[in-house]
Amino acid sequence: MEQIQQYRQPLVTATGIFLGFMLKFVTEWMPISFVDNKIRDSIVAAGTLPSIALLVVVLYRILRLVEPERQLEFYKTTLHLFIIGISLPFFSMVVIMLRKLVLVLT
């Protein structure tokens, strides 16, 4: 674990913080979701649910011990999953903003 040890704790912390924000958002969003704007809420759900799932996988992977010969490859894959996991909600927000812009301009 010496190769990636200095990166483990920051990734655990960042994943935990982001996962906490996502779960807090979902608990506040769920009671009012799919009432007024089903398309917008579907886009939010499509970005949020896979994001939470990926972040849980990242947390599991980074806390798991792997064989020394596979550490670097394993960490790189975990980091890619983390980046995808934190990017999904932002991409869904961009889609919602673009959709709203198109609706306003038409």
PDB file of N, CA and C in Angstrom:
ATOM      1  N   MET A   1       0.800  -1.192   0.000  1.00  0.00           N
ATOM      2  CA  MET A   1       0.000   0.000   0.000  1.00  0.00           C
ATOM      3  C   MET A   1       0.850   1.266   0.000  1.00  0.00           C
ATOM      4  N   GLU A   2       2.148   1.120   0.057  1.00  0.00           N
ATOM      5  CA  GLU A   2       2.988   2.310   0.137  1.00  0.00           C
ATOM      6  C   GLU A   2       2.829   3.222  -1.072  1.00  0.00           C
ATOM      7  N   GLN A   3       2.603   2.634  -2.263  1.00  0.00           N
ATOM      8  CA  GLN A   3       2.503   3.450  -3.472  1.00  0.00           C
ATOM      9  C   GLN A   3       1.347   4.438  -3.425  1.00  0.00           C
ATOM     10  N   ILE A   4       0.226   4.017  -2.901  1.00  0.00           N
ATOM     11  CA  ILE A   4      -0.965   4.880  -2.945  1.00  0.00           C
ATOM     12  C   ILE A   4      -1.397   5.372  -1.568  1.00  0.00           C
ATOM     13  N   GLN A   5      -0.668   5.044  -0.529  1.00  0.00           N
ATOM     14  CA  GLN A   5      -1.093   5.387   0.821  1.00  0.00           C
ATOM     15  C   GLN A   5      -1.354   6.880   0.993  1.00  0.00           C
ATOM     16  N   GLN A   6      -0.499   7.717   0.422  1.00  0.00           N
ATOM     17  CA  GLN A   6      -0.687   9.164   0.582  1.00  0.00           C
ATOM     18  C   GLN A   6      -1.931   9.680  -0.136  1.00  0.00           C
ATOM     19  N   TYR A   7      -2.486   8.901  -1.057  1.00  0.00           N
ATOM     20  CA  TYR A   7      -3.680   9.315  -1.794  1.00  0.00           C
ATOM     21  C   TYR A   7      -4.960   8.722  -1.213  1.00  0.00           C
ATOM     22  N   ARG A   8      -4.841   7.674  -0.414  1.00  0.00           N
ATOM     23  CA  ARG A   8      -6.024   6.990   0.108  1.00  0.00           C
ATOM     24  C   ARG A   8      -6.880   7.897   0.979  1.00  0.00           C
ATOM     25  N   GLN A   9      -6.285   8.478   2.014  1.00  0.00           N
ATOM     26  CA  GLN A   9      -7.064   9.267   2.962  1.00  0.00           C
ATOM     27  C   GLN A   9      -7.752  10.470   2.304  1.00  0.00           C
ATOM     28  N   PRO A  10      -7.070  11.229   1.436  1.00  0.00           N
ATOM     29  CA  PRO A  10      -7.800  12.333   0.784  1.00  0.00           C
ATOM     30  C   PRO A  10      -8.967  11.851  -0.084  1.00  0.00           C
ATOM     31  N   LEU A  11      -8.806  10.702  -0.737  1.00  0.00           N
ATOM     32  CA  LEU A  11      -9.901  10.187  -1.558  1.00  0.00           C
ATOM     33  C   LEU A  11     -11.056   9.705  -0.689  1.00  0.00           C
ATOM     34  N   VAL A  12     -10.746   9.076   0.434  1.00  0.00           N
ATOM     35  CA  VAL A  12     -11.795   8.659   1.379  1.00  0.00           C
ATOM     36  C   VAL A  12     -12.545   9.890   1.883  1.00  0.00           C
ATOM     37  N   THR A  13     -11.812  10.927   2.258  1.00  0.00           N
ATOM     38  CA  THR A  13     -12.432  12.151   2.771  1.00  0.00           C
ATOM     39  C   THR A  13     -13.293  12.820   1.708  1.00  0.00           C
ATOM     40  N   ALA A  14     -12.741  12.983   0.516  1.00  0.00           N
ATOM     41  CA  ALA A  14     -13.499  13.643  -0.560  1.00  0.00           C
ATOM     42  C   ALA A  14     -14.749  12.844  -0.922  1.00  0.00           C
ATOM     43  N   THR A  15     -14.616  11.529  -0.987  1.00  0.00           N
ATOM     44  CA  THR A  15     -15.770  10.687  -1.309  1.00  0.00           C
ATOM     45  C   THR A  15     -16.831  10.793  -0.228  1.00  0.00           C
ATOM     46  N   GLY A  16     -16.409  10.749   1.023  1.00  0.00           N
ATOM     47  CA  GLY A  16     -17.361  10.855   2.127  1.00  0.00           C
ATOM     48  C   GLY A  16     -18.085  12.185   2.144  1.00  0.00           C
ATOM     49  N   ILE A  17     -17.364  13.260   1.912  1.00  0.00           N
ATOM     50  CA  ILE A  17     -17.983  14.585   1.900  1.00  0.00           C
ATOM     51  C   ILE A  17     -18.977  14.701   0.746  1.00  0.00           C
ATOM     52  N   PHE A  18     -18.558  14.291  -0.437  1.00  0.00           N
ATOM     53  CA  PHE A  18     -19.447  14.400  -1.597  1.00  0.00           C
ATOM     54  C   PHE A  18     -20.662  13.491  -1.430  1.00  0.00           C
ATOM     55  N   LEU A  19     -20.449  12.289  -0.916  1.00  0.00           N
ATOM     56  CA  LEU A  19     -21.556  11.364  -0.684  1.00  0.00           C
ATOM     57  C   LEU A  19     -22.525  11.945   0.341  1.00  0.00           C
ATOM     58  N   GLY A  20     -21.995  12.590   1.363  1.00  0.00           N
ATOM     59  CA  GLY A  20     -22.853  13.237   2.357  1.00  0.00           C
ATOM     60  C   GLY A  20     -23.705  14.336   1.743  1.00  0.00           C
ATOM     61  N   PHE A  21     -23.100  15.177   0.903  1.00  0.00           N
ATOM     62  CA  PHE A  21     -23.868  16.223   0.222  1.00  0.00           C
ATOM     63  C   PHE A  21     -24.943  15.624  -0.680  1.00  0.00           C
ATOM     64  N   MET A  22     -24.593  14.567  -1.397  1.00  0.00           N
ATOM     65  CA  MET A  22     -25.558  13.942  -2.304  1.00  0.00           C
ATOM     66  C   MET A  22     -26.730  13.342  -1.523  1.00  0.00           C
ATOM     67  N   LEU A  23     -26.437  12.668  -0.432  1.00  0.00           N
ATOM     68  CA  LEU A  23     -27.505  12.066   0.364  1.00  0.00           C
ATOM     69  C   LEU A  23     -28.387  13.128   1.011  1.00  0.00           C
ATOM     70  N   LYS A  24     -27.793  14.213   1.457  1.00  0.00           N
ATOM     71  CA  LYS A  24     -28.567  15.324   2.022  1.00  0.00           C
ATOM     72  C   LYS A  24     -29.477  15.933   0.954  1.00  0.00           C
ATOM     73  N   PHE A  25     -28.931  16.123  -0.231  1.00  0.00           N
ATOM     74  CA  PHE A  25     -29.732  16.655  -1.332  1.00  0.00           C
ATOM     75  C   PHE A  25     -30.912  15.742  -1.637  1.00  0.00           C
ATOM     76  N   VAL A  26     -30.654  14.441  -1.721  1.00  0.00           N
ATOM     77  CA  VAL A  26     -31.710  13.485  -2.077  1.00  0.00           C
ATOM     78  C   VAL A  26     -32.802  13.453  -1.014  1.00  0.00           C
ATOM     79  N   THR A  27     -32.425  13.513   0.260  1.00  0.00           N
ATOM     80  CA  THR A  27     -33.455  13.477   1.313  1.00  0.00           C
ATOM     81  C   THR A  27     -34.346  14.721   1.272  1.00  0.00           C
ATOM     82  N   GLU A  28     -33.821  15.854   0.841  1.00  0.00           N
ATOM     83  CA  GLU A  28     -34.646  17.051   0.726  1.00  0.00           C
ATOM     84  C   GLU A  28     -35.410  17.102  -0.595  1.00  0.00           C
ATOM     85  N   TRP A  29     -34.858  16.492  -1.618  1.00  0.00           N
ATOM     86  CA  TRP A  29     -35.469  16.546  -2.948  1.00  0.00           C
ATOM     87  C   TRP A  29     -36.586  15.511  -3.110  1.00  0.00           C
ATOM     88  N   MET A  30     -36.442  14.347  -2.509  1.00  0.00           N
ATOM     89  CA  MET A  30     -37.402  13.257  -2.718  1.00  0.00           C
ATOM     90  C   MET A  30     -38.854  13.622  -2.399  1.00  0.00           C
ATOM     91  N   PRO A  31     -39.152  14.276  -1.276  1.00  0.00           N
ATOM     92  CA  PRO A  31     -40.563  14.571  -0.986  1.00  0.00           C
ATOM     93  C   PRO A  31     -41.245  15.468  -2.030  1.00  0.00           C
ATOM     94  N   ILE A  32     -40.472  16.282  -2.720  1.00  0.00           N
ATOM     95  CA  ILE A  32     -41.086  17.196  -3.694  1.00  0.00           C
ATOM     96  C   ILE A  32     -40.828  16.768  -5.139  1.00  0.00           C
ATOM     97  N   SER A  33     -40.172  15.645  -5.328  1.00  0.00           N
ATOM     98  CA  SER A  33     -39.801  15.229  -6.687  1.00  0.00           C
ATOM     99  C   SER A  33     -40.985  14.632  -7.434  1.00  0.00           C
ATOM    100  N   PHE A  34     -40.930  14.740  -8.740  1.00  0.00           N
ATOM    101  CA  PHE A  34     -41.895  14.167  -9.672  1.00  0.00           C
ATOM    102  C   PHE A  34     -43.323  14.659  -9.437  1.00  0.00           C
ATOM    103  N   VAL A  35     -43.460  15.896  -8.951  1.00  0.00           N
ATOM    104  CA  VAL A  35     -44.788  16.465  -8.753  1.00  0.00           C
ATOM    105  C   VAL A  35     -45.087  17.472  -9.855  1.00  0.00           C
ATOM    106  N   ASP A  36     -44.224  18.479  -9.969  1.00  0.00           N
ATOM    107  CA  ASP A  36     -44.465  19.547 -10.939  1.00  0.00           C
ATOM    108  C   ASP A  36     -43.751  19.322 -12.265  1.00  0.00           C
ATOM    109  N   ASN A  37     -42.496  18.978 -12.214  1.00  0.00           N
ATOM    110  CA  ASN A  37     -41.684  18.902 -13.417  1.00  0.00           C
ATOM    111  C   ASN A  37     -41.037  17.523 -13.527  1.00  0.00           C
ATOM    112  N   LYS A  38     -41.743  16.619 -14.167  1.00  0.00           N
ATOM    113  CA  LYS A  38     -41.281  15.233 -14.243  1.00  0.00           C
ATOM    114  C   LYS A  38     -40.020  15.067 -15.095  1.00  0.00           C
ATOM    115  N   ILE A  39     -39.896  15.843 -16.145  1.00  0.00           N
ATOM    116  CA  ILE A  39     -38.709  15.728 -17.002  1.00  0.00           C
ATOM    117  C   ILE A  39     -37.473  16.181 -16.250  1.00  0.00           C
ATOM    118  N   ARG A  40     -37.559  17.344 -15.610  1.00  0.00           N
ATOM    119  CA  ARG A  40     -36.425  17.853 -14.831  1.00  0.00           C
ATOM    120  C   ARG A  40     -36.041  16.879 -13.721  1.00  0.00           C
ATOM    121  N   ASP A  41     -37.026  16.373 -13.021  1.00  0.00           N
ATOM    122  CA  ASP A  41     -36.744  15.450 -11.925  1.00  0.00           C
ATOM    123  C   ASP A  41     -36.193  14.123 -12.420  1.00  0.00           C
ATOM    124  N   SER A  42     -36.586  13.705 -13.609  1.00  0.00           N
ATOM    125  CA  SER A  42     -36.012  12.494 -14.198  1.00  0.00           C
ATOM    126  C   SER A  42     -34.533  12.695 -14.524  1.00  0.00           C
ATOM    127  N   ILE A  43     -34.208  13.876 -15.018  1.00  0.00           N
ATOM    128  CA  ILE A  43     -32.794  14.179 -15.309  1.00  0.00           C
ATOM    129  C   ILE A  43     -31.986  14.232 -14.018  1.00  0.00           C
ATOM    130  N   VAL A  44     -32.545  14.825 -12.986  1.00  0.00           N
ATOM    131  CA  VAL A  44     -31.867  14.875 -11.684  1.00  0.00           C
ATOM    132  C   VAL A  44     -31.644  13.459 -11.161  1.00  0.00           C
ATOM    133  N   ALA A  45     -32.668  12.633 -11.227  1.00  0.00           N
ATOM    134  CA  ALA A  45     -32.543  11.245 -10.753  1.00  0.00           C
ATOM    135  C   ALA A  45     -31.520  10.467 -11.574  1.00  0.00           C
ATOM    136  N   ALA A  46     -31.502  10.703 -12.887  1.00  0.00           N
ATOM    137  CA  ALA A  46     -30.552   9.995 -13.755  1.00  0.00           C
ATOM    138  C   ALA A  46     -29.116  10.393 -13.459  1.00  0.00           C
ATOM    139  N   GLY A  47     -28.891  11.569 -12.909  1.00  0.00           N
ATOM    140  CA  GLY A  47     -27.548  11.978 -12.537  1.00  0.00           C
ATOM    141  C   GLY A  47     -27.194  11.636 -11.106  1.00  0.00           C
ATOM    142  N   THR A  48     -28.184  11.657 -10.232  1.00  0.00           N
ATOM    143  CA  THR A  48     -27.933  11.478  -8.803  1.00  0.00           C
ATOM    144  C   THR A  48     -27.791  10.016  -8.403  1.00  0.00           C
ATOM    145  N   LEU A  49     -28.689   9.173  -8.839  1.00  0.00           N
ATOM    146  CA  LEU A  49     -28.668   7.774  -8.398  1.00  0.00           C
ATOM    147  C   LEU A  49     -27.401   7.032  -8.821  1.00  0.00           C
ATOM    148  N   PRO A  50     -26.973   7.119 -10.074  1.00  0.00           N
ATOM    149  CA  PRO A  50     -25.708   6.457 -10.425  1.00  0.00           C
ATOM    150  C   PRO A  50     -24.521   7.083  -9.702  1.00  0.00           C
ATOM    151  N   SER A  51     -24.593   8.382  -9.446  1.00  0.00           N
ATOM    152  CA  SER A  51     -23.510   9.048  -8.737  1.00  0.00           C
ATOM    153  C   SER A  51     -23.343   8.479  -7.336  1.00  0.00           C
ATOM    154  N   ILE A  52     -24.439   8.329  -6.620  1.00  0.00           N
ATOM    155  CA  ILE A  52     -24.381   7.772  -5.271  1.00  0.00           C
ATOM    156  C   ILE A  52     -23.861   6.344  -5.306  1.00  0.00           C
ATOM    157  N   ALA A  53     -24.347   5.565  -6.259  1.00  0.00           N
ATOM    158  CA  ALA A  53     -23.889   4.176  -6.377  1.00  0.00           C
ATOM    159  C   ALA A  53     -22.389   4.121  -6.660  1.00  0.00           C
ATOM    160  N   LEU A  54     -21.916   4.947  -7.575  1.00  0.00           N
ATOM    161  CA  LEU A  54     -20.481   4.957  -7.892  1.00  0.00           C
ATOM    162  C   LEU A  54     -19.639   5.406  -6.706  1.00  0.00           C
ATOM    163  N   LEU A  55     -20.119   6.375  -5.958  1.00  0.00           N
ATOM    164  CA  LEU A  55     -19.363   6.851  -4.806  1.00  0.00           C
ATOM    165  C   LEU A  55     -19.278   5.791  -3.708  1.00  0.00           C
ATOM    166  N   VAL A  56     -20.320   5.000  -3.548  1.00  0.00           N
ATOM    167  CA  VAL A  56     -20.262   3.890  -2.585  1.00  0.00           C
ATOM    168  C   VAL A  56     -19.248   2.850  -3.061  1.00  0.00           C
ATOM    169  N   VAL A  57     -19.231   2.562  -4.354  1.00  0.00           N
ATOM    170  CA  VAL A  57     -18.245   1.631  -4.911  1.00  0.00           C
ATOM    171  C   VAL A  57     -16.828   2.172  -4.716  1.00  0.00           C
ATOM    172  N   VAL A  58     -16.637   3.460  -4.956  1.00  0.00           N
ATOM    173  CA  VAL A  58     -15.324   4.081  -4.764  1.00  0.00           C
ATOM    174  C   VAL A  58     -14.884   3.952  -3.312  1.00  0.00           C
ATOM    175  N   LEU A  59     -15.783   4.232  -2.398  1.00  0.00           N
ATOM    176  CA  LEU A  59     -15.447   4.130  -0.976  1.00  0.00           C
ATOM    177  C   LEU A  59     -15.057   2.698  -0.613  1.00  0.00           C
ATOM    178  N   TYR A  60     -15.793   1.736  -1.109  1.00  0.00           N
ATOM    179  CA  TYR A  60     -15.456   0.335  -0.863  1.00  0.00           C
ATOM    180  C   TYR A  60     -14.090  -0.002  -1.447  1.00  0.00           C
ATOM    181  N   ARG A  61     -13.864   0.405  -2.685  1.00  0.00           N
ATOM    182  CA  ARG A  61     -12.598   0.057  -3.348  1.00  0.00           C
ATOM    183  C   ARG A  61     -11.389   0.699  -2.673  1.00  0.00           C
ATOM    184  N   ILE A  62     -11.513   1.950  -2.259  1.00  0.00           N
ATOM    185  CA  ILE A  62     -10.356   2.631  -1.695  1.00  0.00           C
ATOM    186  C   ILE A  62     -10.050   2.120  -0.284  1.00  0.00           C
ATOM    187  N   LEU A  63     -11.057   1.617   0.417  1.00  0.00           N
ATOM    188  CA  LEU A  63     -10.819   1.071   1.750  1.00  0.00           C
ATOM    189  C   LEU A  63     -10.384  -0.394   1.717  1.00  0.00           C
ATOM    190  N   ARG A  64     -10.531  -1.020   0.582  1.00  0.00           N
ATOM    191  CA  ARG A  64     -10.166  -2.423   0.416  1.00  0.00           C
ATOM    192  C   ARG A  64      -8.668  -2.547   0.163  1.00  0.00           C
ATOM    193  N   LEU A  65      -8.057  -3.548   0.750  1.00  0.00           N
ATOM    194  CA  LEU A  65      -6.635  -3.802   0.511  1.00  0.00           C
ATOM    195  C   LEU A  65      -6.483  -4.703  -0.710  1.00  0.00           C
ATOM    196  N   VAL A  66      -5.548  -4.366  -1.566  1.00  0.00           N
ATOM    197  CA  VAL A  66      -5.291  -5.162  -2.762  1.00  0.00           C
ATOM    198  C   VAL A  66      -3.850  -5.630  -2.758  1.00  0.00           C
ATOM    199  N   GLU A  67      -3.566  -6.598  -3.617  1.00  0.00           N
ATOM    200  CA  GLU A  67      -2.208  -7.123  -3.725  1.00  0.00           C
ATOM    201  C   GLU A  67      -1.262  -6.010  -4.172  1.00  0.00           C
ATOM    202  N   PRO A  68      -0.037  -5.997  -3.642  1.00  0.00           N
ATOM    203  CA  PRO A  68       0.912  -4.918  -3.989  1.00  0.00           C
ATOM    204  C   PRO A  68       1.171  -4.757  -5.482  1.00  0.00           C
ATOM    205  N   GLU A  69       1.120  -5.823  -6.244  1.00  0.00           N
ATOM    206  CA  GLU A  69       1.425  -5.701  -7.675  1.00  0.00           C
ATOM    207  C   GLU A  69       0.292  -5.045  -8.463  1.00  0.00           C
ATOM    208  N   ARG A  70      -0.895  -4.962  -7.881  1.00  0.00           N
ATOM    209  CA  ARG A  70      -2.042  -4.377  -8.583  1.00  0.00           C
ATOM    210  C   ARG A  70      -2.472  -3.025  -8.018  1.00  0.00           C
ATOM    211  N   GLN A  71      -1.755  -2.507  -7.044  1.00  0.00           N
ATOM    212  CA  GLN A  71      -2.198  -1.310  -6.344  1.00  0.00           C
ATOM    213  C   GLN A  71      -2.412  -0.109  -7.256  1.00  0.00           C
ATOM    214  N   LEU A  72      -1.439   0.184  -8.076  1.00  0.00           N
ATOM    215  CA  LEU A  72      -1.515   1.378  -8.906  1.00  0.00           C
ATOM    216  C   LEU A  72      -2.664   1.284  -9.917  1.00  0.00           C
ATOM    217  N   GLU A  73      -2.800   0.159 -10.572  1.00  0.00           N
ATOM    218  CA  GLU A  73      -3.888  -0.047 -11.542  1.00  0.00           C
ATOM    219  C   GLU A  73      -5.251   0.042 -10.843  1.00  0.00           C
ATOM    220  N   PHE A  74      -5.353  -0.580  -9.673  1.00  0.00           N
ATOM    221  CA  PHE A  74      -6.593  -0.570  -8.902  1.00  0.00           C
ATOM    222  C   PHE A  74      -6.960   0.859  -8.496  1.00  0.00           C
ATOM    223  N   TYR A  75      -5.969   1.618  -8.038  1.00  0.00           N
ATOM    224  CA  TYR A  75      -6.214   2.998  -7.616  1.00  0.00           C
ATOM    225  C   TYR A  75      -6.631   3.866  -8.802  1.00  0.00           C
ATOM    226  N   LYS A  76      -5.994   3.695  -9.945  1.00  0.00           N
ATOM    227  CA  LYS A  76      -6.353   4.490 -11.131  1.00  0.00           C
ATOM    228  C   LYS A  76      -7.801   4.242 -11.535  1.00  0.00           C
ATOM    229  N   THR A  77      -8.223   2.981 -11.519  1.00  0.00           N
ATOM    230  CA  THR A  77      -9.612   2.656 -11.839  1.00  0.00           C
ATOM    231  C   THR A  77     -10.557   3.290 -10.820  1.00  0.00           C
ATOM    232  N   THR A  78     -10.177   3.215  -9.546  1.00  0.00           N
ATOM    233  CA  THR A  78     -10.995   3.815  -8.485  1.00  0.00           C
ATOM    234  C   THR A  78     -11.095   5.320  -8.675  1.00  0.00           C
ATOM    235  N   LEU A  79     -10.005   5.952  -9.018  1.00  0.00           N
ATOM    236  CA  LEU A  79     -10.009   7.395  -9.253  1.00  0.00           C
ATOM    237  C   LEU A  79     -10.898   7.764 -10.436  1.00  0.00           C
ATOM    238  N   HIS A  80     -10.862   6.973 -11.493  1.00  0.00           N
ATOM    239  CA  HIS A  80     -11.735   7.224 -12.647  1.00  0.00           C
ATOM    240  C   HIS A  80     -13.203   7.102 -12.246  1.00  0.00           C
ATOM    241  N   LEU A  81     -13.533   6.094 -11.446  1.00  0.00           N
ATOM    242  CA  LEU A  81     -14.906   5.938 -10.971  1.00  0.00           C
ATOM    243  C   LEU A  81     -15.323   7.133 -10.112  1.00  0.00           C
ATOM    244  N   PHE A  82     -14.402   7.635  -9.300  1.00  0.00           N
ATOM    245  CA  PHE A  82     -14.679   8.805  -8.468  1.00  0.00           C
ATOM    246  C   PHE A  82     -14.985  10.027  -9.336  1.00  0.00           C
ATOM    247  N   ILE A  83     -14.155  10.257 -10.333  1.00  0.00           N
ATOM    248  CA  ILE A  83     -14.362  11.414 -11.219  1.00  0.00           C
ATOM    249  C   ILE A  83     -15.707  11.304 -11.941  1.00  0.00           C
ATOM    250  N   ILE A  84     -16.034  10.116 -12.419  1.00  0.00           N
ATOM    251  CA  ILE A  84     -17.335   9.921 -13.074  1.00  0.00           C
ATOM    252  C   ILE A  84     -18.465  10.155 -12.075  1.00  0.00           C
ATOM    253  N   GLY A  85     -18.299   9.621 -10.865  1.00  0.00           N
ATOM    254  CA  GLY A  85     -19.326   9.759  -9.834  1.00  0.00           C
ATOM    255  C   GLY A  85     -19.609  11.196  -9.441  1.00  0.00           C
ATOM    256  N   ILE A  86     -18.571  12.019  -9.372  1.00  0.00           N
ATOM    257  CA  ILE A  86     -18.822  13.421  -8.999  1.00  0.00           C
ATOM    258  C   ILE A  86     -19.219  14.268 -10.202  1.00  0.00           C
ATOM    259  N   SER A  87     -18.964  13.777 -11.401  1.00  0.00           N
ATOM    260  CA  SER A  87     -19.311  14.538 -12.607  1.00  0.00           C
ATOM    261  C   SER A  87     -20.764  14.371 -13.025  1.00  0.00           C
ATOM    262  N   LEU A  88     -21.345  13.224 -12.758  1.00  0.00           N
ATOM    263  CA  LEU A  88     -22.714  12.953 -13.213  1.00  0.00           C
ATOM    264  C   LEU A  88     -23.736  13.991 -12.753  1.00  0.00           C
ATOM    265  N   PRO A  89     -23.755  14.371 -11.477  1.00  0.00           N
ATOM    266  CA  PRO A  89     -24.744  15.384 -11.078  1.00  0.00           C
ATOM    267  C   PRO A  89     -24.519  16.737 -11.762  1.00  0.00           C
ATOM    268  N   PHE A  90     -23.266  17.080 -12.005  1.00  0.00           N
ATOM    269  CA  PHE A  90     -22.996  18.348 -12.671  1.00  0.00           C
ATOM    270  C   PHE A  90     -23.442  18.312 -14.125  1.00  0.00           C
ATOM    271  N   PHE A  91     -23.230  17.181 -14.808  1.00  0.00           N
ATOM    272  CA  PHE A  91     -23.700  17.062 -16.183  1.00  0.00           C
ATOM    273  C   PHE A  91     -25.219  17.107 -16.248  1.00  0.00           C
ATOM    274  N   SER A  92     -25.894  16.480 -15.298  1.00  0.00           N
ATOM    275  CA  SER A  92     -27.356  16.531 -15.308  1.00  0.00           C
ATOM    276  C   SER A  92     -27.843  17.954 -15.051  1.00  0.00           C
ATOM    277  N   MET A  93     -27.125  18.706 -14.203  1.00  0.00           N
ATOM    278  CA  MET A  93     -27.492  20.099 -13.964  1.00  0.00           C
ATOM    279  C   MET A  93     -27.315  20.928 -15.237  1.00  0.00           C
ATOM    280  N   VAL A  94     -26.253  20.671 -15.983  1.00  0.00           N
ATOM    281  CA  VAL A  94     -26.028  21.386 -17.241  1.00  0.00           C
ATOM    282  C   VAL A  94     -27.148  21.068 -18.240  1.00  0.00           C
ATOM    283  N   VAL A  95     -27.560  19.809 -18.300  1.00  0.00           N
ATOM    284  CA  VAL A  95     -28.651  19.420 -19.198  1.00  0.00           C
ATOM    285  C   VAL A  95     -29.932  20.156 -18.811  1.00  0.00           C
ATOM    286  N   ILE A  96     -30.204  20.238 -17.515  1.00  0.00           N
ATOM    287  CA  ILE A  96     -31.401  20.949 -17.056  1.00  0.00           C
ATOM    288  C   ILE A  96     -31.318  22.432 -17.410  1.00  0.00           C
ATOM    289  N   MET A  97     -30.152  23.041 -17.224  1.00  0.00           N
ATOM    290  CA  MET A  97     -29.989  24.460 -17.561  1.00  0.00           C
ATOM    291  C   MET A  97     -30.155  24.695 -19.057  1.00  0.00           C
ATOM    292  N   LEU A  98     -29.583  23.820 -19.877  1.00  0.00           N
ATOM    293  CA  LEU A  98     -29.730  23.958 -21.333  1.00  0.00           C
ATOM    294  C   LEU A  98     -31.180  23.772 -21.759  1.00  0.00           C
ATOM    295  N   ARG A  99     -31.870  22.808 -21.153  1.00  0.00           N
ATOM    296  CA  ARG A  99     -33.278  22.583 -21.466  1.00  0.00           C
ATOM    297  C   ARG A  99     -34.098  23.813 -21.112  1.00  0.00           C
ATOM    298  N   LYS A 100     -33.831  24.375 -19.953  1.00  0.00           N
ATOM    299  CA  LYS A 100     -34.567  25.579 -19.539  1.00  0.00           C
ATOM    300  C   LYS A 100     -34.276  26.751 -20.477  1.00  0.00           C
ATOM    301  N   LEU A 101     -33.015  26.875 -20.883  1.00  0.00           N
ATOM    302  CA  LEU A 101     -32.642  27.937 -21.820  1.00  0.00           C
ATOM    303  C   LEU A 101     -33.395  27.785 -23.143  1.00  0.00           C
ATOM    304  N   VAL A 102     -33.473  26.573 -23.640  1.00  0.00           N
ATOM    305  CA  VAL A 102     -34.191  26.316 -24.897  1.00  0.00           C
ATOM    306  C   VAL A 102     -35.677  26.649 -24.725  1.00  0.00           C
ATOM    307  N   LEU A 103     -36.251  26.276 -23.590  1.00  0.00           N
ATOM    308  CA  LEU A 103     -37.667  26.565 -23.346  1.00  0.00           C
ATOM    309  C   LEU A 103     -37.924  28.072 -23.245  1.00  0.00           C
ATOM    310  N   VAL A 104     -36.983  28.789 -22.652  1.00  0.00           N
ATOM    311  CA  VAL A 104     -37.139  30.239 -22.518  1.00  0.00           C
ATOM    312  C   VAL A 104     -36.996  30.938 -23.866  1.00  0.00           C
ATOM    313  N   LEU A 105     -36.064  30.449 -24.684  1.00  0.00           N
ATOM    314  CA  LEU A 105     -35.814  31.082 -25.977  1.00  0.00           C
ATOM    315  C   LEU A 105     -36.864  30.745 -27.030  1.00  0.00           C
ATOM    316  N   THR A 106     -37.625  29.699 -26.820  1.00  0.00           N
ATOM    317  CA  THR A 106     -38.632  29.329 -27.824  1.00  0.00           C
ATOM    318  C   THR A 106     -40.009  29.828 -27.449  1.00  0.00           C
TER     319      THR A 106
END
